[in-house]
Amino acid sequence: PFVYVSSVGANPSAYFLYPRTKGKTEESLKAMGFPHLPLLRPGFLKTVEPREKPRTMEGLMGYVVPALDMVAGEARVSAPVTDVAKAMIRAAESAQASAQGEGEKEVRLLVNKDILELARAEKS
C-alpha cells in the first residue's frame, strides 16, 4: 500500500507554493488509480529533538503552536512526528486489509484530528 503525507491546507489552487505543491501531488496520486490511498494531512509537525538550526518559520511556530494547542484542546493544531509515523503504519495496514477484499477504490483523507486518533487507537 501507498501512504502519502501531505499537509494541512493542501490545495492545488493555493497561493503559496508549499500547499499548492502538496495539493497538486494529491490530485496526481488520486488520478493514478491506487485501489486504496490514505492521504494524511498533519498539522505542525513536532519533532522529538529540535533541529540544530531551526528554519525561521519553525522557530516562530515553536512559540505559537503550543499556545494554540492549549486553547484548541482535543482539536490540536500540532502532531508529534511519532504519532504521524504510527498513523502511517496503521493507515497502510488498513489499506492492505481493504485490498484483500473486493470493493470500490477509496481515497481516505486523514486530517490532524484523525491522525492523532489513529495513532492512539488500540491495534486490532
C-alpha atoms as a PDB file:
ATOM      1  CA  PRO A   1       0.000   0.000   0.000  1.00  0.00           C
ATOM      2  CA  PHE A   2       0.986   3.570  -0.654  1.00  0.00           C
ATOM      3  CA  VAL A   3       0.540   6.276   2.011  1.00  0.00           C
ATOM      4  CA  TYR A   4       1.164   9.963   1.293  1.00  0.00           C
ATOM      5  CA  VAL A   5       1.911  12.529   3.984  1.00  0.00           C
ATOM      6  CA  SER A   6       0.636  15.839   2.693  1.00  0.00           C
ATOM      7  CA  SER A   7      -0.024  18.952   4.748  1.00  0.00           C
ATOM      8  CA  VAL A   8      -2.855  20.828   6.360  1.00  0.00           C
ATOM      9  CA  GLY A   9      -4.084  23.382   3.814  1.00  0.00           C
ATOM     10  CA  ALA A  10      -3.031  21.336   0.772  1.00  0.00           C
ATOM     11  CA  ASN A  11      -4.800  22.799  -2.245  1.00  0.00           C
ATOM     12  CA  PRO A  12      -3.788  22.696  -5.927  1.00  0.00           C
ATOM     13  CA  SER A  13      -5.008  26.301  -6.264  1.00  0.00           C
ATOM     14  CA  ALA A  14      -3.252  27.688  -3.176  1.00  0.00           C
ATOM     15  CA  TYR A  15      -1.365  30.956  -3.494  1.00  0.00           C
ATOM     16  CA  PHE A  16       1.709  29.707  -1.629  1.00  0.00           C
ATOM     17  CA  LEU A  17       4.000  27.146  -3.254  1.00  0.00           C
ATOM     18  CA  TYR A  18       4.124  24.560  -0.441  1.00  0.00           C
ATOM     19  CA  PRO A  19       0.364  23.893  -0.046  1.00  0.00           C
ATOM     20  CA  ARG A  20      -0.111  24.216  -3.825  1.00  0.00           C
ATOM     21  CA  THR A  21       2.582  21.570  -4.471  1.00  0.00           C
ATOM     22  CA  LYS A  22       1.075  19.251  -1.855  1.00  0.00           C
ATOM     23  CA  GLY A  23      -2.397  19.743  -3.361  1.00  0.00           C
ATOM     24  CA  LYS A  24      -1.197  19.048  -6.903  1.00  0.00           C
ATOM     25  CA  THR A  25       0.619  15.936  -5.704  1.00  0.00           C
ATOM     26  CA  GLU A  26      -2.568  14.686  -4.007  1.00  0.00           C
ATOM     27  CA  GLU A  27      -4.533  15.217  -7.238  1.00  0.00           C
ATOM     28  CA  SER A  28      -1.890  13.365  -9.282  1.00  0.00           C
ATOM     29  CA  LEU A  29      -1.892  10.452  -6.842  1.00  0.00           C
ATOM     30  CA  LYS A  30      -5.694  10.232  -6.982  1.00  0.00           C
ATOM     31  CA  ALA A  31      -5.510  10.106 -10.786  1.00  0.00           C
ATOM     32  CA  MET A  32      -3.070   7.175 -10.648  1.00  0.00           C
ATOM     33  CA  GLY A  33      -5.881   4.877  -9.536  1.00  0.00           C
ATOM     34  CA  PHE A  34      -4.497   3.316  -6.369  1.00  0.00           C
ATOM     35  CA  PRO A  35      -7.156   0.928  -5.010  1.00  0.00           C
ATOM     36  CA  HIS A  36      -6.763   2.398  -1.521  1.00  0.00           C
ATOM     37  CA  LEU A  37      -4.967   5.685  -0.988  1.00  0.00           C
ATOM     38  CA  PRO A  38      -4.539   7.116   2.509  1.00  0.00           C
ATOM     39  CA  LEU A  39      -3.692  10.847   2.394  1.00  0.00           C
ATOM     40  CA  LEU A  40      -2.503  12.248   5.717  1.00  0.00           C
ATOM     41  CA  ARG A  41      -2.717  15.990   6.341  1.00  0.00           C
ATOM     42  CA  PRO A  42      -0.999  16.599   9.665  1.00  0.00           C
ATOM     43  CA  GLY A  43      -0.748  19.996  11.268  1.00  0.00           C
ATOM     44  CA  PHE A  44       2.500  21.500  12.527  1.00  0.00           C
ATOM     45  CA  LEU A  45       4.959  18.624  12.998  1.00  0.00           C
ATOM     46  CA  LYS A  46       6.534  18.442  16.437  1.00  0.00           C
ATOM     47  CA  THR A  47       9.910  16.718  16.398  1.00  0.00           C
ATOM     48  CA  VAL A  48      11.281  14.618  19.233  1.00  0.00           C
ATOM     49  CA  GLU A  49      14.567  16.526  19.184  1.00  0.00           C
ATOM     50  CA  PRO A  50      14.726  20.134  17.995  1.00  0.00           C
ATOM     51  CA  ARG A  51      16.732  20.893  14.861  1.00  0.00           C
ATOM     52  CA  GLU A  52      20.200  22.298  15.366  1.00  0.00           C
ATOM     53  CA  LYS A  53      19.333  25.237  13.140  1.00  0.00           C
ATOM     54  CA  PRO A  54      15.556  25.678  13.005  1.00  0.00           C
ATOM     55  CA  ARG A  55      14.095  27.406   9.986  1.00  0.00           C
ATOM     56  CA  THR A  56      12.724  30.870  10.655  1.00  0.00           C
ATOM     57  CA  MET A  57       9.058  29.863  10.453  1.00  0.00           C
ATOM     58  CA  GLU A  58       9.653  26.733  12.542  1.00  0.00           C
ATOM     59  CA  GLY A  59      11.318  28.825  15.215  1.00  0.00           C
ATOM     60  CA  LEU A  60       8.382  31.229  15.306  1.00  0.00           C
ATOM     61  CA  MET A  61       5.779  28.467  15.243  1.00  0.00           C
ATOM     62  CA  GLY A  62       7.614  26.726  18.079  1.00  0.00           C
ATOM     63  CA  TYR A  63       6.319  29.500  20.330  1.00  0.00           C
ATOM     64  CA  VAL A  64       2.867  29.950  18.783  1.00  0.00           C
ATOM     65  CA  VAL A  65       1.760  26.326  18.326  1.00  0.00           C
ATOM     66  CA  PRO A  66       1.964  25.203  21.987  1.00  0.00           C
ATOM     67  CA  ALA A  67      -0.312  28.100  22.937  1.00  0.00           C
ATOM     68  CA  LEU A  68      -2.749  27.225  20.146  1.00  0.00           C
ATOM     69  CA  ASP A  69      -2.746  23.571  21.236  1.00  0.00           C
ATOM     70  CA  MET A  70      -3.634  24.594  24.796  1.00  0.00           C
ATOM     71  CA  VAL A  71      -6.568  26.686  23.571  1.00  0.00           C
ATOM     72  CA  ALA A  72      -7.709  24.123  20.986  1.00  0.00           C
ATOM     73  CA  GLY A  73      -7.799  21.176  23.405  1.00  0.00           C
ATOM     74  CA  GLU A  74      -8.633  17.979  21.504  1.00  0.00           C
ATOM     75  CA  ALA A  75      -8.609  19.835  18.169  1.00  0.00           C
ATOM     76  CA  ARG A  76      -4.841  20.328  18.359  1.00  0.00           C
ATOM     77  CA  VAL A  77      -3.005  22.104  15.563  1.00  0.00           C
ATOM     78  CA  SER A  78       0.202  20.105  16.003  1.00  0.00           C
ATOM     79  CA  ALA A  79       1.107  16.458  15.614  1.00  0.00           C
ATOM     80  CA  PRO A  80       4.148  14.726  17.082  1.00  0.00           C
ATOM     81  CA  VAL A  81       6.144  13.038  14.319  1.00  0.00           C
ATOM     82  CA  THR A  82       5.964   9.778  16.283  1.00  0.00           C
ATOM     83  CA  ASP A  83       2.146   9.904  16.118  1.00  0.00           C
ATOM     84  CA  VAL A  84       2.221  10.647  12.387  1.00  0.00           C
ATOM     85  CA  ALA A  85       4.510   7.640  11.878  1.00  0.00           C
ATOM     86  CA  LYS A  86       2.154   5.360  13.855  1.00  0.00           C
ATOM     87  CA  ALA A  87      -0.829   6.647  11.873  1.00  0.00           C
ATOM     88  CA  MET A  88       1.025   5.997   8.603  1.00  0.00           C
ATOM     89  CA  ILE A  89       1.652   2.395   9.614  1.00  0.00           C
ATOM     90  CA  ARG A  90      -1.954   1.853  10.714  1.00  0.00           C
ATOM     91  CA  ALA A  91      -3.302   3.504   7.544  1.00  0.00           C
ATOM     92  CA  ALA A  92      -1.096   1.218   5.436  1.00  0.00           C
ATOM     93  CA  GLU A  93      -2.256  -1.844   7.379  1.00  0.00           C
ATOM     94  CA  SER A  94      -5.876  -0.800   6.921  1.00  0.00           C
ATOM     95  CA  ALA A  95      -5.356  -0.232   3.190  1.00  0.00           C
ATOM     96  CA  GLN A  96      -3.703  -3.644   2.903  1.00  0.00           C
ATOM     97  CA  ALA A  97      -6.625  -5.321   4.686  1.00  0.00           C
ATOM     98  CA  SER A  98      -9.122  -3.479   2.464  1.00  0.00           C
ATOM     99  CA  ALA A  99      -7.208  -4.525  -0.642  1.00  0.00           C
ATOM    100  CA  GLN A 100      -7.737  -8.191   0.274  1.00  0.00           C
ATOM    101  CA  GLY A 101     -11.469  -7.885  -0.320  1.00  0.00           C
ATOM    102  CA  GLU A 102     -13.360  -6.747  -3.352  1.00  0.00           C
ATOM    103  CA  GLY A 103     -14.589  -3.209  -3.291  1.00  0.00           C
ATOM    104  CA  GLU A 104     -14.529   0.233  -4.759  1.00  0.00           C
ATOM    105  CA  LYS A 105     -11.437   2.375  -4.878  1.00  0.00           C
ATOM    106  CA  GLU A 106     -11.068   4.504  -1.798  1.00  0.00           C
ATOM    107  CA  VAL A 107      -9.193   7.715  -1.072  1.00  0.00           C
ATOM    108  CA  ARG A 108      -9.008   8.147   2.690  1.00  0.00           C
ATOM    109  CA  LEU A 109      -8.270  11.711   3.796  1.00  0.00           C
ATOM    110  CA  LEU A 110      -6.977  11.913   7.369  1.00  0.00           C
ATOM    111  CA  VAL A 111      -6.745  15.368   8.927  1.00  0.00           C
ATOM    112  CA  ASN A 112      -4.774  16.153  12.086  1.00  0.00           C
ATOM    113  CA  LYS A 113      -7.514  15.006  14.493  1.00  0.00           C
ATOM    114  CA  ASP A 114      -7.931  11.719  12.583  1.00  0.00           C
ATOM    115  CA  ILE A 115      -4.171  11.158  12.556  1.00  0.00           C
ATOM    116  CA  LEU A 116      -3.893  11.616  16.319  1.00  0.00           C
ATOM    117  CA  GLU A 117      -6.868   9.295  16.956  1.00  0.00           C
ATOM    118  CA  LEU A 118      -5.491   6.626  14.628  1.00  0.00           C
ATOM    119  CA  ALA A 119      -2.052   6.817  16.253  1.00  0.00           C
ATOM    120  CA  ARG A 120      -3.532   6.328  19.710  1.00  0.00           C
ATOM    121  CA  ALA A 121      -6.074   3.647  18.789  1.00  0.00           C
ATOM    122  CA  GLU A 122      -5.529   0.154  20.103  1.00  0.00           C
ATOM    123  CA  LYS A 123      -4.115  -2.129  17.472  1.00  0.00           C
ATOM    124  CA  SER A 124      -6.655  -4.755  16.455  1.00  0.00           C
END
